[in-house]
């Protein structure tokens, strides 16, 4: 959570906008943004995606600072599921 809080602050600084400006652009109250930046609340997914547009970043970059793809891709997850016998159970239905 703390990483996410720091990322919002960092992106605001880099974009040269205040919490008030961010709140106006998102259509939320300034104390909502304040709660996000002090870690007492987590933004709704719609607000996260809107912040990504405002800051020109991905959700991964905003939330974790990592722009790499997830380590456990769907292909890896599917092959793991096959090895666990999950796929066979679906064919029996």
PDB file of N, CA and C in Angstrom:
ATOM      1  N   UNK A   1       0.832  -1.193   0.000  1.00  0.00           N
ATOM      2  CA  UNK A   1       0.000   0.000   0.000  1.00  0.00           C
ATOM      3  C   UNK A   1       0.876   1.257   0.000  1.00  0.00           C
ATOM      4  N   UNK A   2       1.934   1.236   0.801  1.00  0.00           N
ATOM      5  CA  UNK A   2       2.790   2.419   0.905  1.00  0.00           C
ATOM      6  C   UNK A   2       3.449   2.752  -0.434  1.00  0.00           C
ATOM      7  N   UNK A   3       3.785   1.726  -1.201  1.00  0.00           N
ATOM      8  CA  UNK A   3       4.386   1.974  -2.513  1.00  0.00           C
ATOM      9  C   UNK A   3       3.399   2.733  -3.391  1.00  0.00           C
ATOM     10  N   UNK A   4       2.142   2.297  -3.367  1.00  0.00           N
ATOM     11  CA  UNK A   4       1.120   2.948  -4.178  1.00  0.00           C
ATOM     12  C   UNK A   4       0.935   4.404  -3.770  1.00  0.00           C
ATOM     13  N   UNK A   5       0.911   4.669  -2.467  1.00  0.00           N
ATOM     14  CA  UNK A   5       0.785   6.034  -1.941  1.00  0.00           C
ATOM     15  C   UNK A   5       1.925   6.898  -2.455  1.00  0.00           C
ATOM     16  N   UNK A   6       3.125   6.384  -2.370  1.00  0.00           N
ATOM     17  CA  UNK A   6       4.294   7.132  -2.836  1.00  0.00           C
ATOM     18  C   UNK A   6       4.255   7.357  -4.341  1.00  0.00           C
ATOM     19  N   UNK A   7       3.708   6.390  -5.080  1.00  0.00           N
ATOM     20  CA  UNK A   7       3.643   6.528  -6.534  1.00  0.00           C
ATOM     21  C   UNK A   7       2.694   7.651  -6.937  1.00  0.00           C
ATOM     22  N   UNK A   8       1.546   7.755  -6.256  1.00  0.00           N
ATOM     23  CA  UNK A   8       0.608   8.840  -6.576  1.00  0.00           C
ATOM     24  C   UNK A   8       1.289  10.181  -6.336  1.00  0.00           C
ATOM     25  N   UNK A   9       1.955  10.315  -5.203  1.00  0.00           N
ATOM     26  CA  UNK A   9       2.660  11.567  -4.890  1.00  0.00           C
ATOM     27  C   UNK A   9       3.727  11.870  -5.942  1.00  0.00           C
ATOM     28  N   UNK A  10       4.494  10.847  -6.318  1.00  0.00           N
ATOM     29  CA  UNK A  10       5.577  11.023  -7.288  1.00  0.00           C
ATOM     30  C   UNK A  10       5.032  11.461  -8.643  1.00  0.00           C
ATOM     31  N   UNK A  11       3.978  10.807  -9.095  1.00  0.00           N
ATOM     32  CA  UNK A  11       3.407  11.169 -10.391  1.00  0.00           C
ATOM     33  C   UNK A  11       2.813  12.574 -10.368  1.00  0.00           C
ATOM     34  N   UNK A  12       2.211  12.973  -9.260  1.00  0.00           N
ATOM     35  CA  UNK A  12       1.700  14.350  -9.144  1.00  0.00           C
ATOM     36  C   UNK A  12       2.848  15.348  -9.254  1.00  0.00           C
ATOM     37  N   UNK A  13       3.939  15.079  -8.535  1.00  0.00           N
ATOM     38  CA  UNK A  13       5.111  15.965  -8.584  1.00  0.00           C
ATOM     39  C   UNK A  13       5.664  16.051  -9.998  1.00  0.00           C
ATOM     40  N   UNK A  14       5.827  14.881 -10.641  1.00  0.00           N
ATOM     41  CA  UNK A  14       6.386  14.863 -11.995  1.00  0.00           C
ATOM     42  C   UNK A  14       5.489  15.592 -12.990  1.00  0.00           C
ATOM     43  N   UNK A  15       4.175  15.487 -12.794  1.00  0.00           N
ATOM     44  CA  UNK A  15       3.236  16.163 -13.699  1.00  0.00           C
ATOM     45  C   UNK A  15       3.052  17.628 -13.328  1.00  0.00           C
ATOM     46  N   UNK A  16       3.561  18.018 -12.157  1.00  0.00           N
ATOM     47  CA  UNK A  16       3.434  19.401 -11.714  1.00  0.00           C
ATOM     48  C   UNK A  16       2.015  19.773 -11.328  1.00  0.00           C
ATOM     49  N   UNK A  17       1.282  18.811 -10.781  1.00  0.00           N
ATOM     50  CA  UNK A  17      -0.090  19.103 -10.370  1.00  0.00           C
ATOM     51  C   UNK A  17      -0.265  18.854  -8.873  1.00  0.00           C
ATOM     52  N   UNK A  18      -1.181  19.579  -8.300  1.00  0.00           N
ATOM     53  CA  UNK A  18      -1.469  19.435  -6.872  1.00  0.00           C
ATOM     54  C   UNK A  18      -2.562  18.385  -6.676  1.00  0.00           C
ATOM     55  N   UNK A  19      -2.793  18.031  -5.416  1.00  0.00           N
ATOM     56  CA  UNK A  19      -3.880  17.109  -5.108  1.00  0.00           C
ATOM     57  C   UNK A  19      -5.223  17.718  -5.500  1.00  0.00           C
ATOM     58  N   UNK A  20      -5.353  19.026  -5.337  1.00  0.00           N
ATOM     59  CA  UNK A  20      -6.592  19.711  -5.721  1.00  0.00           C
ATOM     60  C   UNK A  20      -6.830  19.590  -7.218  1.00  0.00           C
ATOM     61  N   UNK A  21      -5.795  19.810  -8.006  1.00  0.00           N
ATOM     62  CA  UNK A  21      -5.918  19.698  -9.461  1.00  0.00           C
ATOM     63  C   UNK A  21      -6.256  18.272  -9.866  1.00  0.00           C
ATOM     64  N   UNK A  22      -5.594  17.304  -9.253  1.00  0.00           N
ATOM     65  CA  UNK A  22      -5.872  15.906  -9.545  1.00  0.00           C
ATOM     66  C   UNK A  22      -7.326  15.581  -9.205  1.00  0.00           C
ATOM     67  N   UNK A  23      -7.791  16.046  -8.058  1.00  0.00           N
ATOM     68  CA  UNK A  23      -9.174  15.807  -7.642  1.00  0.00           C
ATOM     69  C   UNK A  23     -10.157  16.385  -8.656  1.00  0.00           C
ATOM     70  N   UNK A  24      -9.897  17.596  -9.116  1.00  0.00           N
ATOM     71  CA  UNK A  24     -10.786  18.226 -10.104  1.00  0.00           C
ATOM     72  C   UNK A  24     -10.794  17.442 -11.413  1.00  0.00           C
ATOM     73  N   UNK A  25      -9.618  16.996 -11.853  1.00  0.00           N
ATOM     74  CA  UNK A  25      -9.536  16.239 -13.098  1.00  0.00           C
ATOM     75  C   UNK A  25     -10.250  14.891 -12.992  1.00  0.00           C
ATOM     76  N   UNK A  26     -10.243  14.306 -11.795  1.00  0.00           N
ATOM     77  CA  UNK A  26     -10.893  13.009 -11.588  1.00  0.00           C
ATOM     78  C   UNK A  26     -12.367  13.138 -11.228  1.00  0.00           C
ATOM     79  N   UNK A  27     -12.782  14.354 -10.851  1.00  0.00           N
ATOM     80  CA  UNK A  27     -14.166  14.554 -10.449  1.00  0.00           C
ATOM     81  C   UNK A  27     -14.469  14.030  -9.053  1.00  0.00           C
ATOM     82  N   UNK A  28     -13.452  14.061  -8.179  1.00  0.00           N
ATOM     83  CA  UNK A  28     -13.632  13.636  -6.785  1.00  0.00           C
ATOM     84  C   UNK A  28     -13.287  14.802  -5.871  1.00  0.00           C
ATOM     85  N   UNK A  29     -13.627  14.677  -4.600  1.00  0.00           N
ATOM     86  CA  UNK A  29     -13.287  15.726  -3.642  1.00  0.00           C
ATOM     87  C   UNK A  29     -11.806  15.652  -3.289  1.00  0.00           C
ATOM     88  N   UNK A  30     -11.240  16.787  -2.944  1.00  0.00           N
ATOM     89  CA  UNK A  30      -9.811  16.836  -2.646  1.00  0.00           C
ATOM     90  C   UNK A  30      -9.472  15.968  -1.431  1.00  0.00           C
ATOM     91  N   UNK A  31     -10.390  15.876  -0.455  1.00  0.00           N
ATOM     92  CA  UNK A  31     -10.064  15.034   0.693  1.00  0.00           C
ATOM     93  C   UNK A  31     -10.064  13.551   0.325  1.00  0.00           C
ATOM     94  N   UNK A  32     -10.698  13.183  -0.786  1.00  0.00           N
ATOM     95  CA  UNK A  32     -10.606  11.802  -1.276  1.00  0.00           C
ATOM     96  C   UNK A  32      -9.181  11.526  -1.741  1.00  0.00           C
ATOM     97  N   UNK A  33      -8.629  12.445  -2.520  1.00  0.00           N
ATOM     98  CA  UNK A  33      -7.239  12.288  -2.976  1.00  0.00           C
ATOM     99  C   UNK A  33      -6.300  12.321  -1.784  1.00  0.00           C
ATOM    100  N   UNK A  34      -6.572  13.183  -0.804  1.00  0.00           N
ATOM    101  CA  UNK A  34      -5.750  13.237   0.403  1.00  0.00           C
ATOM    102  C   UNK A  34      -5.751  11.876   1.105  1.00  0.00           C
ATOM    103  N   UNK A  35      -6.904  11.244   1.199  1.00  0.00           N
ATOM    104  CA  UNK A  35      -6.985   9.930   1.848  1.00  0.00           C
ATOM    105  C   UNK A  35      -6.195   8.881   1.084  1.00  0.00           C
ATOM    106  N   UNK A  36      -6.185   8.999  -0.259  1.00  0.00           N
ATOM    107  CA  UNK A  36      -5.383   8.065  -1.052  1.00  0.00           C
ATOM    108  C   UNK A  36      -3.902   8.263  -0.760  1.00  0.00           C
ATOM    109  N   UNK A  37      -3.480   9.527  -0.652  1.00  0.00           N
ATOM    110  CA  UNK A  37      -2.055   9.815  -0.484  1.00  0.00           C
ATOM    111  C   UNK A  37      -1.567   9.636   0.944  1.00  0.00           C
ATOM    112  N   UNK A  38      -2.483   9.486   1.904  1.00  0.00           N
ATOM    113  CA  UNK A  38      -2.014   9.184   3.263  1.00  0.00           C
ATOM    114  C   UNK A  38      -2.231   7.719   3.609  1.00  0.00           C
ATOM    115  N   UNK A  39      -2.775   6.963   2.646  1.00  0.00           N
ATOM    116  CA  UNK A  39      -2.897   5.528   2.817  1.00  0.00           C
ATOM    117  C   UNK A  39      -4.131   5.053   3.561  1.00  0.00           C
ATOM    118  N   UNK A  40      -5.069   5.952   3.842  1.00  0.00           N
ATOM    119  CA  UNK A  40      -6.256   5.518   4.576  1.00  0.00           C
ATOM    120  C   UNK A  40      -7.364   4.985   3.667  1.00  0.00           C
ATOM    121  N   UNK A  41      -7.259   5.238   2.366  1.00  0.00           N
ATOM    122  CA  UNK A  41      -8.243   4.722   1.400  1.00  0.00           C
ATOM    123  C   UNK A  41      -7.522   4.285   0.136  1.00  0.00           C
ATOM    124  N   UNK A  42      -8.165   3.401  -0.597  1.00  0.00           N
ATOM    125  CA  UNK A  42      -7.629   2.931  -1.871  1.00  0.00           C
ATOM    126  C   UNK A  42      -8.580   3.424  -2.971  1.00  0.00           C
ATOM    127  N   UNK A  43      -8.043   3.981  -4.050  1.00  0.00           N
ATOM    128  CA  UNK A  43      -8.920   4.467  -5.119  1.00  0.00           C
ATOM    129  C   UNK A  43      -9.673   3.329  -5.804  1.00  0.00           C
ATOM    130  N   UNK A  44     -10.839   3.654  -6.308  1.00  0.00           N
ATOM    131  CA  UNK A  44     -11.620   2.726  -7.117  1.00  0.00           C
ATOM    132  C   UNK A  44     -10.874   2.487  -8.423  1.00  0.00           C
ATOM    133  N   UNK A  45     -11.117   1.339  -9.033  1.00  0.00           N
ATOM    134  CA  UNK A  45     -10.431   1.005 -10.283  1.00  0.00           C
ATOM    135  C   UNK A  45     -10.637   2.079 -11.355  1.00  0.00           C
ATOM    136  N   UNK A  46     -11.819   2.650 -11.434  1.00  0.00           N
ATOM    137  CA  UNK A  46     -12.077   3.707 -12.425  1.00  0.00           C
ATOM    138  C   UNK A  46     -11.173   4.911 -12.195  1.00  0.00           C
ATOM    139  N   UNK A  47     -10.926   5.250 -10.920  1.00  0.00           N
ATOM    140  CA  UNK A  47     -10.033   6.365 -10.608  1.00  0.00           C
ATOM    141  C   UNK A  47      -8.584   6.020 -10.930  1.00  0.00           C
ATOM    142  N   UNK A  48      -8.208   4.769 -10.726  1.00  0.00           N
ATOM    143  CA  UNK A  48      -6.850   4.336 -11.064  1.00  0.00           C
ATOM    144  C   UNK A  48      -6.619   4.448 -12.566  1.00  0.00           C
ATOM    145  N   UNK A  49      -7.574   3.963 -13.355  1.00  0.00           N
ATOM    146  CA  UNK A  49      -7.395   4.044 -14.808  1.00  0.00           C
ATOM    147  C   UNK A  49      -7.406   5.491 -15.292  1.00  0.00           C
ATOM    148  N   UNK A  50      -8.205   6.341 -14.659  1.00  0.00           N
ATOM    149  CA  UNK A  50      -8.211   7.762 -15.026  1.00  0.00           C
ATOM    150  C   UNK A  50      -6.872   8.413 -14.671  1.00  0.00           C
ATOM    151  N   UNK A  51      -6.304   8.053 -13.520  1.00  0.00           N
ATOM    152  CA  UNK A  51      -4.988   8.588 -13.150  1.00  0.00           C
ATOM    153  C   UNK A  51      -3.933   8.144 -14.151  1.00  0.00           C
ATOM    154  N   UNK A  52      -4.037   6.924 -14.657  1.00  0.00           N
ATOM    155  CA  UNK A  52      -3.084   6.446 -15.655  1.00  0.00           C
ATOM    156  C   UNK A  52      -3.137   7.307 -16.911  1.00  0.00           C
ATOM    157  N   UNK A  53      -4.321   7.711 -17.298  1.00  0.00           N
ATOM    158  CA  UNK A  53      -4.467   8.594 -18.468  1.00  0.00           C
ATOM    159  C   UNK A  53      -3.845   9.954 -18.162  1.00  0.00           C
ATOM    160  N   UNK A  54      -4.150  10.503 -16.988  1.00  0.00           N
ATOM    161  CA  UNK A  54      -3.629  11.818 -16.602  1.00  0.00           C
ATOM    162  C   UNK A  54      -2.104  11.803 -16.535  1.00  0.00           C
ATOM    163  N   UNK A  55      -1.544  10.744 -15.921  1.00  0.00           N
ATOM    164  CA  UNK A  55      -0.096  10.673 -15.719  1.00  0.00           C
ATOM    165  C   UNK A  55       0.640  10.055 -16.906  1.00  0.00           C
ATOM    166  N   UNK A  56      -0.088   9.467 -17.855  1.00  0.00           N
ATOM    167  CA  UNK A  56       0.556   8.828 -19.002  1.00  0.00           C
ATOM    168  C   UNK A  56       1.344   7.599 -18.616  1.00  0.00           C
ATOM    169  N   UNK A  57       0.755   6.763 -17.774  1.00  0.00           N
ATOM    170  CA  UNK A  57       1.451   5.564 -17.311  1.00  0.00           C
ATOM    171  C   UNK A  57       0.497   4.376 -17.343  1.00  0.00           C
ATOM    172  N   UNK A  58       1.035   3.199 -17.064  1.00  0.00           N
ATOM    173  CA  UNK A  58       0.204   2.001 -16.956  1.00  0.00           C
ATOM    174  C   UNK A  58      -0.210   1.821 -15.496  1.00  0.00           C
ATOM    175  N   UNK A  59      -1.201   0.959 -15.277  1.00  0.00           N
ATOM    176  CA  UNK A  59      -1.626   0.663 -13.910  1.00  0.00           C
ATOM    177  C   UNK A  59      -0.491   0.008 -13.127  1.00  0.00           C
ATOM    178  N   UNK A  60       0.298  -0.844 -13.786  1.00  0.00           N
ATOM    179  CA  UNK A  60       1.449  -1.463 -13.115  1.00  0.00           C
ATOM    180  C   UNK A  60       2.444  -0.411 -12.652  1.00  0.00           C
ATOM    181  N   UNK A  61       2.713   0.557 -13.498  1.00  0.00           N
ATOM    182  CA  UNK A  61       3.655   1.614 -13.127  1.00  0.00           C
ATOM    183  C   UNK A  61       3.116   2.447 -11.976  1.00  0.00           C
ATOM    184  N   UNK A  62       1.828   2.766 -12.018  1.00  0.00           N
ATOM    185  CA  UNK A  62       1.236   3.579 -10.968  1.00  0.00           C
ATOM    186  C   UNK A  62       1.171   2.839  -9.647  1.00  0.00           C
ATOM    187  N   UNK A  63       0.804   1.579  -9.690  1.00  0.00           N
ATOM    188  CA  UNK A  63       0.565   0.843  -8.454  1.00  0.00           C
ATOM    189  C   UNK A  63       1.815   0.232  -7.845  1.00  0.00           C
ATOM    190  N   UNK A  64       2.785  -0.146  -8.685  1.00  0.00           N
ATOM    191  CA  UNK A  64       3.952  -0.822  -8.124  1.00  0.00           C
ATOM    192  C   UNK A  64       5.281  -0.264  -8.600  1.00  0.00           C
ATOM    193  N   UNK A  65       5.238   0.581  -9.607  1.00  0.00           N
ATOM    194  CA  UNK A  65       6.484   1.103 -10.148  1.00  0.00           C
ATOM    195  C   UNK A  65       7.135   0.147 -11.118  1.00  0.00           C
ATOM    196  N   UNK A  66       6.441  -0.936 -11.455  1.00  0.00           N
ATOM    197  CA  UNK A  66       6.985  -1.963 -12.331  1.00  0.00           C
ATOM    198  C   UNK A  66       6.243  -1.950 -13.644  1.00  0.00           C
ATOM    199  N   UNK A  67       6.939  -1.714 -14.724  1.00  0.00           N
ATOM    200  CA  UNK A  67       6.291  -1.695 -16.032  1.00  0.00           C
ATOM    201  C   UNK A  67       6.447  -3.021 -16.758  1.00  0.00           C
ATOM    202  N   UNK A  68       7.043  -4.000 -16.092  1.00  0.00           N
ATOM    203  CA  UNK A  68       7.226  -5.303 -16.711  1.00  0.00           C
ATOM    204  C   UNK A  68       5.928  -6.090 -16.673  1.00  0.00           C
ATOM    205  N   UNK A  69       5.838  -7.070 -17.534  1.00  0.00           N
ATOM    206  CA  UNK A  69       4.649  -7.912 -17.541  1.00  0.00           C
ATOM    207  C   UNK A  69       4.657  -8.807 -16.301  1.00  0.00           C
ATOM    208  N   UNK A  70       3.485  -9.262 -15.877  1.00  0.00           N
ATOM    209  CA  UNK A  70       3.437 -10.124 -14.698  1.00  0.00           C
ATOM    210  C   UNK A  70       4.277 -11.379 -14.886  1.00  0.00           C
ATOM    211  N   UNK A  71       4.850 -11.874 -13.813  1.00  0.00           N
ATOM    212  CA  UNK A  71       5.711 -13.053 -13.890  1.00  0.00           C
ATOM    213  C   UNK A  71       4.925 -14.300 -14.258  1.00  0.00           C
ATOM    214  N   UNK A  72       3.709 -14.409 -13.782  1.00  0.00           N
ATOM    215  CA  UNK A  72       2.916 -15.599 -14.012  1.00  0.00           C
ATOM    216  C   UNK A  72       1.916 -15.318 -15.128  1.00  0.00           C
ATOM    217  N   UNK A  73       2.369 -15.449 -16.342  1.00  0.00           N
ATOM    218  CA  UNK A  73       1.497 -15.168 -17.481  1.00  0.00           C
ATOM    219  C   UNK A  73       0.424 -16.240 -17.600  1.00  0.00           C
ATOM    220  N   UNK A  74      -0.590 -15.965 -18.426  1.00  0.00           N
ATOM    221  CA  UNK A  74      -1.656 -16.942 -18.625  1.00  0.00           C
ATOM    222  C   UNK A  74      -1.123 -18.260 -19.151  1.00  0.00           C
ATOM    223  N   UNK A  75      -0.155 -18.188 -20.059  1.00  0.00           N
ATOM    224  CA  UNK A  75       0.389 -19.408 -20.639  1.00  0.00           C
ATOM    225  C   UNK A  75       1.019 -20.278 -19.553  1.00  0.00           C
ATOM    226  N   UNK A  76       1.776 -19.645 -18.657  1.00  0.00           N
ATOM    227  CA  UNK A  76       2.408 -20.380 -17.559  1.00  0.00           C
ATOM    228  C   UNK A  76       1.343 -20.933 -16.631  1.00  0.00           C
ATOM    229  N   UNK A  77       0.329 -20.123 -16.319  1.00  0.00           N
ATOM    230  CA  UNK A  77      -0.736 -20.566 -15.422  1.00  0.00           C
ATOM    231  C   UNK A  77      -1.498 -21.744 -16.020  1.00  0.00           C
ATOM    232  N   UNK A  78      -1.751 -21.706 -17.327  1.00  0.00           N
ATOM    233  CA  UNK A  78      -2.462 -22.807 -17.968  1.00  0.00           C
ATOM    234  C   UNK A  78      -1.646 -24.083 -17.942  1.00  0.00           C
ATOM    235  N   UNK A  79      -0.348 -23.978 -18.218  1.00  0.00           N
ATOM    236  CA  UNK A  79       0.470 -25.191 -18.204  1.00  0.00           C
ATOM    237  C   UNK A  79       0.577 -25.746 -16.796  1.00  0.00           C
ATOM    238  N   UNK A  80       0.581 -24.891 -15.791  1.00  0.00           N
ATOM    239  CA  UNK A  80       0.597 -25.350 -14.404  1.00  0.00           C
ATOM    240  C   UNK A  80      -0.709 -26.059 -14.066  1.00  0.00           C
ATOM    241  N   UNK A  81      -1.821 -25.522 -14.566  1.00  0.00           N
ATOM    242  CA  UNK A  81      -3.120 -26.134 -14.300  1.00  0.00           C
ATOM    243  C   UNK A  81      -3.207 -27.513 -14.945  1.00  0.00           C
ATOM    244  N   UNK A  82      -2.648 -27.646 -16.153  1.00  0.00           N
ATOM    245  CA  UNK A  82      -2.664 -28.947 -16.821  1.00  0.00           C
ATOM    246  C   UNK A  82      -1.895 -29.972 -16.007  1.00  0.00           C
ATOM    247  N   UNK A  83      -0.765 -29.538 -15.492  1.00  0.00           N
ATOM    248  CA  UNK A  83       0.055 -30.443 -14.688  1.00  0.00           C
ATOM    249  C   UNK A  83      -0.635 -30.857 -13.398  1.00  0.00           C
ATOM    250  N   UNK A  84      -1.564 -30.037 -12.936  1.00  0.00           N
ATOM    251  CA  UNK A  84      -2.278 -30.343 -11.695  1.00  0.00           C
ATOM    252  C   UNK A  84      -3.541 -31.149 -11.950  1.00  0.00           C
ATOM    253  N   UNK A  85      -3.816 -31.498 -13.214  1.00  0.00           N
ATOM    254  CA  UNK A  85      -4.987 -32.299 -13.532  1.00  0.00           C
ATOM    255  C   UNK A  85      -6.277 -31.505 -13.628  1.00  0.00           C
ATOM    256  N   UNK A  86      -6.187 -30.182 -13.660  1.00  0.00           N
ATOM    257  CA  UNK A  86      -7.389 -29.349 -13.721  1.00  0.00           C
ATOM    258  C   UNK A  86      -8.096 -29.517 -15.054  1.00  0.00           C
ATOM    259  N   UNK A  87      -7.340 -29.551 -16.137  1.00  0.00           N
ATOM    260  CA  UNK A  87      -7.945 -29.631 -17.456  1.00  0.00           C
ATOM    261  C   UNK A  87      -8.745 -30.919 -17.626  1.00  0.00           C
ATOM    262  N   UNK A  88      -8.226 -32.031 -17.098  1.00  0.00           N
ATOM    263  CA  UNK A  88      -8.918 -33.299 -17.228  1.00  0.00           C
ATOM    264  C   UNK A  88     -10.293 -33.255 -16.538  1.00  0.00           C
ATOM    265  N   UNK A  89     -10.390 -32.552 -15.418  1.00  0.00           N
ATOM    266  CA  UNK A  89     -11.659 -32.492 -14.705  1.00  0.00           C
ATOM    267  C   UNK A  89     -12.719 -31.759 -15.506  1.00  0.00           C
ATOM    268  N   UNK A  90     -12.316 -30.836 -16.363  1.00  0.00           N
ATOM    269  CA  UNK A  90     -13.277 -30.116 -17.184  1.00  0.00           C
ATOM    270  C   UNK A  90     -13.809 -31.016 -18.302  1.00  0.00           C
ATOM    271  N   UNK A  91     -13.008 -31.940 -18.794  1.00  0.00           N
ATOM    272  CA  UNK A  91     -13.461 -32.808 -19.870  1.00  0.00           C
ATOM    273  C   UNK A  91     -14.450 -33.853 -19.373  1.00  0.00           C
ATOM    274  N   UNK A  92     -14.445 -34.147 -18.081  1.00  0.00           N
ATOM    275  CA  UNK A  92     -15.346 -35.143 -17.521  1.00  0.00           C
ATOM    276  C   UNK A  92     -16.745 -34.605 -17.319  1.00  0.00           C
ATOM    277  N   UNK A  93     -16.915 -33.305 -17.370  1.00  0.00           N
ATOM    278  CA  UNK A  93     -18.223 -32.696 -17.070  1.00  0.00           C
ATOM    279  C   UNK A  93     -19.198 -32.901 -18.201  1.00  0.00           C
TER     280      UNK A  93
END
